[in-house]
C-alpha atoms as a PDB file:
ATOM      1  CA  MET A   1     -10.874  10.073 -13.318  1.00  0.00           C
ATOM      2  CA  PHE A   2     -12.453   6.939 -12.001  1.00  0.00           C
ATOM      3  CA  PRO A   3     -10.843   3.351 -11.098  1.00  0.00           C
ATOM      4  CA  ALA A   4     -12.151   0.357 -12.703  1.00  0.00           C
ATOM      5  CA  SER A   5     -14.913  -1.430 -10.678  1.00  0.00           C
ATOM      6  CA  PHE A   6     -13.735  -3.511  -7.702  1.00  0.00           C
ATOM      7  CA  GLU A   7     -14.878  -5.255  -3.978  1.00  0.00           C
ATOM      8  CA  TYR A   8     -13.572  -4.083  -0.906  1.00  0.00           C
ATOM      9  CA  PHE A   9     -12.690  -5.686   2.117  1.00  0.00           C
ATOM     10  CA  ALA A  10     -11.598  -4.086   5.624  1.00  0.00           C
ATOM     11  CA  ALA A  11      -9.526  -6.886   6.554  1.00  0.00           C
ATOM     12  CA  ARG A  12      -9.294  -7.012  10.838  1.00  0.00           C
ATOM     13  CA  SER A  13      -6.137  -9.052  11.570  1.00  0.00           C
ATOM     14  CA  VAL A  14      -3.280  -9.750   9.543  1.00  0.00           C
ATOM     15  CA  GLU A  15      -4.361 -13.605   8.982  1.00  0.00           C
ATOM     16  CA  GLU A  16      -7.422 -12.300   7.469  1.00  0.00           C
ATOM     17  CA  ALA A  17      -5.861 -10.276   5.062  1.00  0.00           C
ATOM     18  CA  ILE A  18      -3.286 -13.150   3.865  1.00  0.00           C
ATOM     19  CA  GLU A  19      -6.835 -15.491   3.856  1.00  0.00           C
ATOM     20  CA  LEU A  20      -8.129 -13.128   1.565  1.00  0.00           C
ATOM     21  CA  LEU A  21      -4.873 -12.519  -0.546  1.00  0.00           C
ATOM     22  CA  THR A  22      -4.627 -16.248  -1.115  1.00  0.00           C
ATOM     23  CA  LYS A  23      -8.306 -16.404  -2.107  1.00  0.00           C
ATOM     24  CA  HIS A  24      -8.139 -13.807  -4.824  1.00  0.00           C
ATOM     25  CA  GLY A  25      -4.560 -13.891  -5.863  1.00  0.00           C
ATOM     26  CA  GLU A  26      -2.888 -11.912  -8.146  1.00  0.00           C
ATOM     27  CA  ASP A  27      -6.741  -9.906  -8.458  1.00  0.00           C
ATOM     28  CA  ALA A  28      -6.235  -8.366  -4.771  1.00  0.00           C
ATOM     29  CA  LYS A  29      -4.350  -5.493  -3.782  1.00  0.00           C
ATOM     30  CA  LEU A  30      -3.186  -4.318  -0.416  1.00  0.00           C
ATOM     31  CA  LEU A  31      -5.089  -1.173   0.347  1.00  0.00           C
ATOM     32  CA  ALA A  32      -2.448   1.020   3.392  1.00  0.00           C
ATOM     33  CA  GLY A  33      -2.453   4.774   2.902  1.00  0.00           C
ATOM     34  CA  GLY A  34      -3.154   4.499  -0.432  1.00  0.00           C
ATOM     35  CA  HIS A  35      -1.111   7.387  -1.563  1.00  0.00           C
ATOM     36  CA  SER A  36       0.365   5.874  -4.200  1.00  0.00           C
ATOM     37  CA  LEU A  37      -2.073   2.710  -5.131  1.00  0.00           C
ATOM     38  CA  ILE A  38      -5.120   5.247  -5.488  1.00  0.00           C
ATOM     39  CA  PRO A  39      -3.707   7.444  -8.155  1.00  0.00           C
ATOM     40  CA  ALA A  40      -2.489   4.309 -10.094  1.00  0.00           C
ATOM     41  CA  MET A  41      -6.443   3.002 -10.119  1.00  0.00           C
ATOM     42  CA  LYS A  42      -7.578   6.407 -11.074  1.00  0.00           C
ATOM     43  CA  LEU A  43      -5.089   6.837 -14.026  1.00  0.00           C
ATOM     44  CA  ARG A  44      -6.213   3.146 -14.646  1.00  0.00           C
ATOM     45  CA  LEU A  45      -2.884   1.697 -14.300  1.00  0.00           C
ATOM     46  CA  ALA A  46      -3.930  -0.503 -11.800  1.00  0.00           C
ATOM     47  CA  ALA A  47      -6.964  -1.916 -11.527  1.00  0.00           C
ATOM     48  CA  PRO A  48      -7.416  -4.514  -8.679  1.00  0.00           C
ATOM     49  CA  ARG A  49     -10.736  -6.429  -8.910  1.00  0.00           C
ATOM     50  CA  TYR A  50     -10.343  -6.484  -5.032  1.00  0.00           C
ATOM     51  CA  LEU A  51      -9.308  -4.176  -2.459  1.00  0.00           C
ATOM     52  CA  ILE A  52      -8.452  -5.211   0.836  1.00  0.00           C
ATOM     53  CA  ASP A  53      -7.614  -2.718   3.395  1.00  0.00           C
ATOM     54  CA  ILE A  54      -5.132  -3.071   6.490  1.00  0.00           C
ATOM     55  CA  GLY A  55      -4.987   0.524   7.685  1.00  0.00           C
ATOM     56  CA  GLN A  56      -6.741  -0.527  10.827  1.00  0.00           C
ATOM     57  CA  VAL A  57      -4.982  -3.788  11.355  1.00  0.00           C
ATOM     58  CA  PRO A  58      -3.758  -3.517  15.005  1.00  0.00           C
ATOM     59  CA  GLY A  59      -0.413  -4.057  16.112  1.00  0.00           C
ATOM     60  CA  LEU A  60       1.003  -2.788  12.774  1.00  0.00           C
ATOM     61  CA  SER A  61       2.205   0.746  14.176  1.00  0.00           C
ATOM     62  CA  GLY A  62       4.651   2.457  15.901  1.00  0.00           C
ATOM     63  CA  VAL A  63       8.980   2.452  16.461  1.00  0.00           C
ATOM     64  CA  ASN A  64      10.488   0.176  19.070  1.00  0.00           C
ATOM     65  CA  VAL A  65      13.840  -1.184  20.073  1.00  0.00           C
ATOM     66  CA  ASP A  66      14.190  -4.501  20.114  1.00  0.00           C
ATOM     67  CA  GLY A  67      17.286  -5.798  21.252  1.00  0.00           C
ATOM     68  CA  GLU A  68      20.082  -4.289  18.567  1.00  0.00           C
ATOM     69  CA  THR A  69      17.212  -3.459  15.808  1.00  0.00           C
ATOM     70  CA  LEU A  70      14.945  -0.231  15.639  1.00  0.00           C
ATOM     71  CA  ALA A  71      11.330  -2.123  14.661  1.00  0.00           C
ATOM     72  CA  ILE A  72       9.340  -0.550  12.891  1.00  0.00           C
ATOM     73  CA  GLY A  73       5.553  -1.452  11.974  1.00  0.00           C
ATOM     74  CA  ALA A  74       4.601  -1.176   8.342  1.00  0.00           C
ATOM     75  CA  LEU A  75       1.605   0.846   8.831  1.00  0.00           C
ATOM     76  CA  THR A  76       4.309   3.487  10.361  1.00  0.00           C
ATOM     77  CA  VAL A  77       2.756   6.799   8.847  1.00  0.00           C
ATOM     78  CA  HIS A  78       6.038   9.299   7.350  1.00  0.00           C
ATOM     79  CA  ALA A  79       5.386  11.744   9.849  1.00  0.00           C
ATOM     80  CA  ASP A  80       5.581   9.705  12.532  1.00  0.00           C
ATOM     81  CA  ILE A  81       9.054   8.516  11.383  1.00  0.00           C
ATOM     82  CA  ALA A  82      10.430  11.765  10.589  1.00  0.00           C
ATOM     83  CA  SER A  83       9.261  13.139  14.552  1.00  0.00           C
ATOM     84  CA  SER A  84      10.306   9.987  16.341  1.00  0.00           C
ATOM     85  CA  ASP A  85      12.731  10.346  19.502  1.00  0.00           C
ATOM     86  CA  LEU A  86      14.208   6.941  18.728  1.00  0.00           C
ATOM     87  CA  VAL A  87      14.513   7.308  15.046  1.00  0.00           C
ATOM     88  CA  ARG A  88      16.213  10.410  15.232  1.00  0.00           C
ATOM     89  CA  GLN A  89      18.444   9.547  18.056  1.00  0.00           C
ATOM     90  CA  TRP A  90      19.782   6.471  16.433  1.00  0.00           C
ATOM     91  CA  LEU A  91      18.664   6.756  12.305  1.00  0.00           C
ATOM     92  CA  PRO A  92      18.851  10.607  12.009  1.00  0.00           C
ATOM     93  CA  GLY A  93      19.351   9.797   7.869  1.00  0.00           C
ATOM     94  CA  LEU A  94      15.714   8.054   7.538  1.00  0.00           C
ATOM     95  CA  ALA A  95      14.246  10.633   9.946  1.00  0.00           C
ATOM     96  CA  GLU A  96      15.804  13.130   7.330  1.00  0.00           C
ATOM     97  CA  ALA A  97      14.079  10.775   4.248  1.00  0.00           C
ATOM     98  CA  ALA A  98      10.750  10.858   6.118  1.00  0.00           C
ATOM     99  CA  SER A  99      10.663  14.633   6.545  1.00  0.00           C
ATOM    100  CA  VAL A 100      11.512  15.300   2.423  1.00  0.00           C
ATOM    101  CA  ILE A 101       8.757  12.824   1.469  1.00  0.00           C
ATOM    102  CA  GLY A 102       6.070  14.433  -0.983  1.00  0.00           C
ATOM    103  CA  ASP A 103       3.583  17.461   1.491  1.00  0.00           C
ATOM    104  CA  VAL A 104       2.322  17.269   4.498  1.00  0.00           C
ATOM    105  CA  GLN A 105      -0.829  15.481   3.575  1.00  0.00           C
ATOM    106  CA  VAL A 106       1.081  12.419   2.140  1.00  0.00           C
ATOM    107  CA  ARG A 107       3.595  12.496   5.234  1.00  0.00           C
ATOM    108  CA  ASN A 108       0.358  11.877   7.642  1.00  0.00           C
ATOM    109  CA  ARG A 109      -1.132   9.539   5.621  1.00  0.00           C
ATOM    110  CA  GLY A 110       1.506   7.588   3.637  1.00  0.00           C
ATOM    111  CA  THR A 111       2.974   4.417   5.173  1.00  0.00           C
ATOM    112  CA  ILE A 112       6.249   3.047   5.260  1.00  0.00           C
ATOM    113  CA  GLY A 113       5.459  -0.216   4.380  1.00  0.00           C
ATOM    114  CA  GLY A 114       3.232   0.610   1.777  1.00  0.00           C
ATOM    115  CA  SER A 115       6.219   2.749  -0.025  1.00  0.00           C
ATOM    116  CA  VAL A 116       8.475   0.083   0.360  1.00  0.00           C
ATOM    117  CA  ALA A 117       6.156  -2.954  -0.962  1.00  0.00           C
ATOM    118  CA  HIS A 118       5.101   0.070  -4.174  1.00  0.00           C
ATOM    119  CA  ALA A 119       8.979   0.401  -4.544  1.00  0.00           C
ATOM    120  CA  ASP A 120       8.885   3.357  -7.264  1.00  0.00           C
ATOM    121  CA  PRO A 121      12.007   3.912  -8.061  1.00  0.00           C
ATOM    122  CA  ALA A 122      11.667   8.069  -7.259  1.00  0.00           C
ATOM    123  CA  ALA A 123      11.047   6.949  -3.963  1.00  0.00           C
ATOM    124  CA  ASP A 124      13.031   8.178  -1.119  1.00  0.00           C
ATOM    125  CA  PHE A 125      12.256   5.100   1.822  1.00  0.00           C
ATOM    126  CA  PRO A 126      13.956   2.037  -0.519  1.00  0.00           C
ATOM    127  CA  VAL A 127      17.137   4.341  -0.913  1.00  0.00           C
ATOM    128  CA  ILE A 128      18.026   4.956   2.645  1.00  0.00           C
ATOM    129  CA  LEU A 129      16.595   1.889   4.038  1.00  0.00           C
ATOM    130  CA  THR A 130      18.670   0.125   1.468  1.00  0.00           C
ATOM    131  CA  ALA A 131      21.620   2.025   2.909  1.00  0.00           C
ATOM    132  CA  LEU A 132      20.907   1.457   6.632  1.00  0.00           C
ATOM    133  CA  GLY A 133      21.303  -2.655   5.834  1.00  0.00           C
ATOM    134  CA  ALA A 134      17.843  -3.037   6.409  1.00  0.00           C
ATOM    135  CA  SER A 135      15.137  -6.100   6.717  1.00  0.00           C
ATOM    136  CA  PHE A 136      11.459  -6.870   5.705  1.00  0.00           C
ATOM    137  CA  VAL A 137       9.099  -9.197   7.343  1.00  0.00           C
ATOM    138  CA  LEU A 138       7.185 -11.157   5.269  1.00  0.00           C
ATOM    139  CA  VAL A 139       4.179 -12.940   6.845  1.00  0.00           C
ATOM    140  CA  SER A 140       1.987 -15.496   4.486  1.00  0.00           C
ATOM    141  CA  PRO A 141       0.078 -19.329   4.747  1.00  0.00           C
ATOM    142  CA  SER A 142       3.760 -20.570   4.958  1.00  0.00           C
ATOM    143  CA  GLY A 143       4.593 -18.721   7.584  1.00  0.00           C
ATOM    144  CA  ARG A 144       7.389 -15.824   8.134  1.00  0.00           C
ATOM    145  CA  ARG A 145      10.132 -14.804   6.171  1.00  0.00           C
ATOM    146  CA  THR A 146      12.847 -12.175   6.674  1.00  0.00           C
ATOM    147  CA  LEU A 147      14.490 -10.342   3.003  1.00  0.00           C
ATOM    148  CA  SER A 148      17.379  -7.943   2.993  1.00  0.00           C
ATOM    149  CA  ALA A 149      16.724  -4.696   1.325  1.00  0.00           C
ATOM    150  CA  ASP A 150      19.432  -5.720  -1.090  1.00  0.00           C
ATOM    151  CA  ASP A 151      17.331  -8.901  -1.529  1.00  0.00           C
ATOM    152  CA  PHE A 152      13.785  -7.268  -1.543  1.00  0.00           C
ATOM    153  CA  PHE A 153      14.015  -4.510  -4.451  1.00  0.00           C
ATOM    154  CA  ILE A 154      13.959  -6.100  -7.802  1.00  0.00           C
ATOM    155  CA  ASP A 155      13.140  -3.631 -10.455  1.00  0.00           C
ATOM    156  CA  PHE A 156      10.633  -1.120 -11.606  1.00  0.00           C
ATOM    157  CA  PHE A 157       7.654  -0.896  -9.314  1.00  0.00           C
ATOM    158  CA  THR A 158       8.852  -4.447  -8.559  1.00  0.00           C
ATOM    159  CA  THR A 159       9.834  -6.321  -5.205  1.00  0.00           C
ATOM    160  CA  ALA A 160      10.322 -10.379  -3.977  1.00  0.00           C
ATOM    161  CA  LEU A 161       6.886  -9.586  -2.231  1.00  0.00           C
ATOM    162  CA  LYS A 162       5.098 -12.786  -3.028  1.00  0.00           C
ATOM    163  CA  PRO A 163       0.592 -12.770  -4.258  1.00  0.00           C
ATOM    164  CA  ASN A 164       0.040 -13.860  -0.854  1.00  0.00           C
ATOM    165  CA  GLU A 165       2.708 -12.255   1.580  1.00  0.00           C
ATOM    166  CA  VAL A 166       1.836  -9.145   4.032  1.00  0.00           C
ATOM    167  CA  LEU A 167       4.627  -6.907   4.551  1.00  0.00           C
ATOM    168  CA  THR A 168       4.752  -6.452   8.594  1.00  0.00           C
ATOM    169  CA  GLU A 169       7.592  -4.855   9.679  1.00  0.00           C
ATOM    170  CA  ILE A 170      11.027  -3.023   9.491  1.00  0.00           C
ATOM    171  CA  ARG A 171      14.207  -4.118  10.920  1.00  0.00           C
ATOM    172  CA  VAL A 172      17.062  -1.778  11.036  1.00  0.00           C
ATOM    173  CA  PRO A 173      20.517  -2.654  13.206  1.00  0.00           C
ATOM    174  CA  LEU A 174      21.106   0.011  15.428  1.00  0.00           C
ATOM    175  CA  PRO A 175      24.643   1.072  14.243  1.00  0.00           C
ATOM    176  CA  PRO A 176      27.253   0.957  16.523  1.00  0.00           C
ATOM    177  CA  SER A 177      29.444   3.853  18.541  1.00  0.00           C
ATOM    178  CA  GLY A 178      31.275   5.720  16.225  1.00  0.00           C
ATOM    179  CA  SER A 179      28.729   5.839  12.941  1.00  0.00           C
ATOM    180  CA  GLY A 180      26.597   7.901  11.440  1.00  0.00           C
ATOM    181  CA  THR A 181      23.830   8.053   8.589  1.00  0.00           C
ATOM    182  CA  ALA A 182      22.778  10.617   6.463  1.00  0.00           C
ATOM    183  CA  TYR A 183      20.411  10.968   3.606  1.00  0.00           C
ATOM    184  CA  SER A 184      20.613  14.242   0.686  1.00  0.00           C
ATOM    185  CA  LYS A 185      17.787  14.235  -1.997  1.00  0.00           C
ATOM    186  CA  LEU A 186      17.607  16.692  -5.094  1.00  0.00           C
ATOM    187  CA  PRO A 187      13.700  16.645  -5.468  1.00  0.00           C
ATOM    188  CA  HIS A 188      11.307  17.145  -8.841  1.00  0.00           C
ATOM    189  CA  PRO A 189      10.179  20.585  -8.194  1.00  0.00           C
ATOM    190  CA  ALA A 190       6.421  19.701  -9.268  1.00  0.00           C
ATOM    191  CA  SER A 191       6.330  16.286  -7.804  1.00  0.00           C
ATOM    192  CA  GLY A 192       8.657  15.999  -4.853  1.00  0.00           C
ATOM    193  CA  TYR A 193       9.381  12.909  -5.922  1.00  0.00           C
ATOM    194  CA  VAL A 194      13.482  12.137  -6.162  1.00  0.00           C
ATOM    195  CA  VAL A 195      15.463  13.062  -9.135  1.00  0.00           C
ATOM    196  CA  VAL A 196      18.673  11.794  -7.346  1.00  0.00           C
ATOM    197  CA  SER A 197      19.317  10.839  -3.975  1.00  0.00           C
ATOM    198  CA  ALA A 198      21.523   9.512  -1.307  1.00  0.00           C
ATOM    199  CA  GLY A 199      21.634   7.899   1.554  1.00  0.00           C
ATOM    200  CA  VAL A 200      24.730   7.183   3.803  1.00  0.00           C
ATOM    201  CA  LEU A 201      25.799   4.969   6.785  1.00  0.00           C
ATOM    202  CA  LEU A 202      29.258   4.917   7.763  1.00  0.00           C
ATOM    203  CA  SER A 203      31.207   3.694  10.887  1.00  0.00           C
ATOM    204  CA  ARG A 204      34.408   5.510  11.650  1.00  0.00           C
ATOM    205  CA  GLN A 205      37.520   4.703  13.803  1.00  0.00           C
ATOM    206  CA  PRO A 206      38.853   6.733  16.662  1.00  0.00           C
ATOM    207  CA  SER A 207      41.696   7.897  14.201  1.00  0.00           C
ATOM    208  CA  GLY A 208      39.625   9.513  11.903  1.00  0.00           C
ATOM    209  CA  GLN A 209      39.247   6.717   9.065  1.00  0.00           C
ATOM    210  CA  CYS A 210      36.545   5.455   7.667  1.00  0.00           C
ATOM    211  CA  LEU A 211      35.586   1.979   9.406  1.00  0.00           C
ATOM    212  CA  SER A 212      32.856   0.693   7.027  1.00  0.00           C
ATOM    213  CA  ALA A 213      30.214   2.355   4.448  1.00  0.00           C
ATOM    214  CA  ARG A 214      26.972   1.837   2.919  1.00  0.00           C
ATOM    215  CA  VAL A 215      26.498   4.327   0.097  1.00  0.00           C
ATOM    216  CA  ALA A 216      23.075   3.903  -1.649  1.00  0.00           C
ATOM    217  CA  ILE A 217      22.110   5.578  -4.571  1.00  0.00           C
ATOM    218  CA  GLY A 218      18.341   6.775  -5.828  1.00  0.00           C
ATOM    219  CA  GLY A 219      17.211   8.096  -9.432  1.00  0.00           C
ATOM    220  CA  LEU A 220      19.601   6.397 -11.752  1.00  0.00           C
ATOM    221  CA  GLY A 221      17.827   3.080 -12.136  1.00  0.00           C
ATOM    222  CA  SER A 222      14.838   0.635 -11.650  1.00  0.00           C
ATOM    223  CA  GLY A 223      15.502   1.244  -7.682  1.00  0.00           C
ATOM    224  CA  PRO A 224      18.340   2.157  -5.292  1.00  0.00           C
ATOM    225  CA  LEU A 225      21.696   1.467  -6.310  1.00  0.00           C
ATOM    226  CA  ARG A 226      24.472   0.242  -3.862  1.00  0.00           C
ATOM    227  CA  ALA A 227      27.234   2.801  -5.072  1.00  0.00           C
ATOM    228  CA  LYS A 228      30.001  -0.143  -4.011  1.00  0.00           C
ATOM    229  CA  ALA A 229      32.868   2.008  -5.675  1.00  0.00           C
ATOM    230  CA  THR A 230      32.181   4.828  -3.823  1.00  0.00           C
ATOM    231  CA  GLU A 231      32.359   2.296  -0.750  1.00  0.00           C
ATOM    232  CA  ALA A 232      35.511   0.570  -2.028  1.00  0.00           C
ATOM    233  CA  VAL A 233      37.238   4.175  -2.260  1.00  0.00           C
ATOM    234  CA  LEU A 234      36.100   4.946   1.869  1.00  0.00           C
ATOM    235  CA  GLN A 235      37.444   1.925   3.556  1.00  0.00           C
ATOM    236  CA  GLY A 236      39.985   2.231   5.387  1.00  0.00           C
ATOM    237  CA  GLN A 237      40.873   6.478   4.534  1.00  0.00           C
ATOM    238  CA  PRO A 238      40.684   9.268   6.721  1.00  0.00           C
ATOM    239  CA  LEU A 239      37.628  11.056   6.227  1.00  0.00           C
ATOM    240  CA  THR A 240      38.789  13.945   4.904  1.00  0.00           C
ATOM    241  CA  ALA A 241      37.111  16.434   2.332  1.00  0.00           C
ATOM    242  CA  GLU A 242      39.375  15.572  -0.385  1.00  0.00           C
ATOM    243  CA  ALA A 243      38.736  11.586   0.134  1.00  0.00           C
ATOM    244  CA  ILE A 244      35.084  12.295   0.429  1.00  0.00           C
ATOM    245  CA  ALA A 245      34.946  13.910  -2.728  1.00  0.00           C
ATOM    246  CA  ALA A 246      36.949  11.253  -4.411  1.00  0.00           C
ATOM    247  CA  ALA A 247      35.109   8.531  -3.544  1.00  0.00           C
ATOM    248  CA  ALA A 248      31.578  10.483  -4.218  1.00  0.00           C
ATOM    249  CA  ALA A 249      32.646  11.258  -7.512  1.00  0.00           C
ATOM    250  CA  LYS A 250      31.925   7.284  -8.102  1.00  0.00           C
ATOM    251  CA  ALA A 251      28.826   7.378  -7.170  1.00  0.00           C
ATOM    252  CA  ALA A 252      27.209   6.568 -10.333  1.00  0.00           C
ATOM    253  CA  GLU A 253      29.794   4.087 -11.801  1.00  0.00           C
ATOM    254  CA  GLY A 254      28.016   0.998 -13.288  1.00  0.00           C
ATOM    255  CA  ALA A 255      24.694   2.759 -13.184  1.00  0.00           C
ATOM    256  CA  ASN A 256      22.776   3.443 -16.667  1.00  0.00           C
ATOM    257  CA  PRO A 257      20.246   6.082 -15.822  1.00  0.00           C
ATOM    258  CA  ASP A 258      18.045   7.252 -18.771  1.00  0.00           C
ATOM    259  CA  ASP A 259      17.176  10.620 -20.049  1.00  0.00           C
ATOM    260  CA  ASP A 260      13.738  11.886 -19.382  1.00  0.00           C
ATOM    261  CA  LEU A 261      11.617  14.873 -19.689  1.00  0.00           C
ATOM    262  CA  TYR A 262      13.257  17.183 -16.438  1.00  0.00           C
ATOM    263  CA  THR A 263      16.557  16.301 -16.896  1.00  0.00           C
ATOM    264  CA  SER A 264      19.437  14.416 -18.741  1.00  0.00           C
ATOM    265  CA  ALA A 265      21.111  10.842 -17.799  1.00  0.00           C
ATOM    266  CA  ASP A 266      24.866  13.230 -17.844  1.00  0.00           C
ATOM    267  CA  TYR A 267      23.223  15.556 -15.408  1.00  0.00           C
ATOM    268  CA  LYS A 268      21.752  12.539 -13.127  1.00  0.00           C
ATOM    269  CA  ARG A 269      24.951  10.851 -13.045  1.00  0.00           C
ATOM    270  CA  HIS A 270      27.267  14.724 -12.244  1.00  0.00           C
ATOM    271  CA  VAL A 271      24.309  15.658  -9.123  1.00  0.00           C
ATOM    272  CA  ALA A 272      24.763  11.929  -7.841  1.00  0.00           C
ATOM    273  CA  ALA A 273      28.248  12.727  -6.687  1.00  0.00           C
ATOM    274  CA  VAL A 274      27.188  15.899  -5.621  1.00  0.00           C
ATOM    275  CA  TYR A 275      24.270  14.542  -3.519  1.00  0.00           C
ATOM    276  CA  ALA A 276      26.682  11.204  -2.365  1.00  0.00           C
ATOM    277  CA  ARG A 277      28.926  14.088  -1.058  1.00  0.00           C
ATOM    278  CA  ARG A 278      26.913  15.788   0.815  1.00  0.00           C
ATOM    279  CA  ALA A 279      25.471  12.837   2.255  1.00  0.00           C
ATOM    280  CA  ILE A 280      29.007  11.273   3.384  1.00  0.00           C
ATOM    281  CA  GLU A 281      30.176  14.717   4.517  1.00  0.00           C
ATOM    282  CA  GLU A 282      27.102  14.887   6.885  1.00  0.00           C
ATOM    283  CA  ALA A 283      27.298  11.010   7.808  1.00  0.00           C
ATOM    284  CA  ALA A 284      31.152  11.766   8.627  1.00  0.00           C
ATOM    285  CA  ARG A 285      30.024  14.188  10.995  1.00  0.00           C
ATOM    286  CA  ARG A 286      27.489  12.741  12.917  1.00  0.00           C
ATOM    287  CA  ALA A 287      30.113   9.721  13.354  1.00  0.00           C
ATOM    288  CA  ALA A 288      32.819  12.103  14.981  1.00  0.00           C
ATOM    289  CA  GLY A 289      30.219  13.037  16.864  1.00  0.00           C
END
């Protein structure tokens, strides 16, 4: 299918992209890698009158350590995140998530900023970034603001991004010593999208007890779900197989997933416990060094 007619602009800077967004309002869409927007346009699920390409804007890609934070440019492609030595050293769970997105073509063209802004409930990055306590830098005519992942994702394909804002950077706190991260995913066999996934960040005391934990689950609703019951059970407990299994069993607590053509809601709840356990076990192993 062919998309509806649109006018195309190639922005040369963030400022120019913001000017175009401000001028054209809700009739405009930003284009980064295009692996989410272009298919939606071809199916007429999206029909922007103005397409603003930011793919060649300088300074919006790359991974760097900035103080106690890992700073990732919004135009950094999935493959570069998966292979980044910095990401693999500090946040192996994020590298894992990047490595299982789509296929080779998608990973070499799709961007982390595009994935986050699109907010597909079956995407990988929103889940792991929520678990990691990431924040998102948004730039508009009013200046710059930063939102946490917990506040950024609102609903199906909906974020807190305003029509005249550009997402420029993703910032992830570097975990302290004794921490581990992990990501585990059940992919749809045809599309590779998330059926259910789990992202974990946990810190371990030298004695072996869990000092803190953040667990996010994907596939159970309109966006990443904080598994707060699982987090609460882990807190202060020794990271034994039995304790991890007991905590993971509560991963779907409070969720209300829908049945779909591939699987049932009950199956998703069951699988959430399985993949949460796998991710917690791997994060605990990494935290132990």
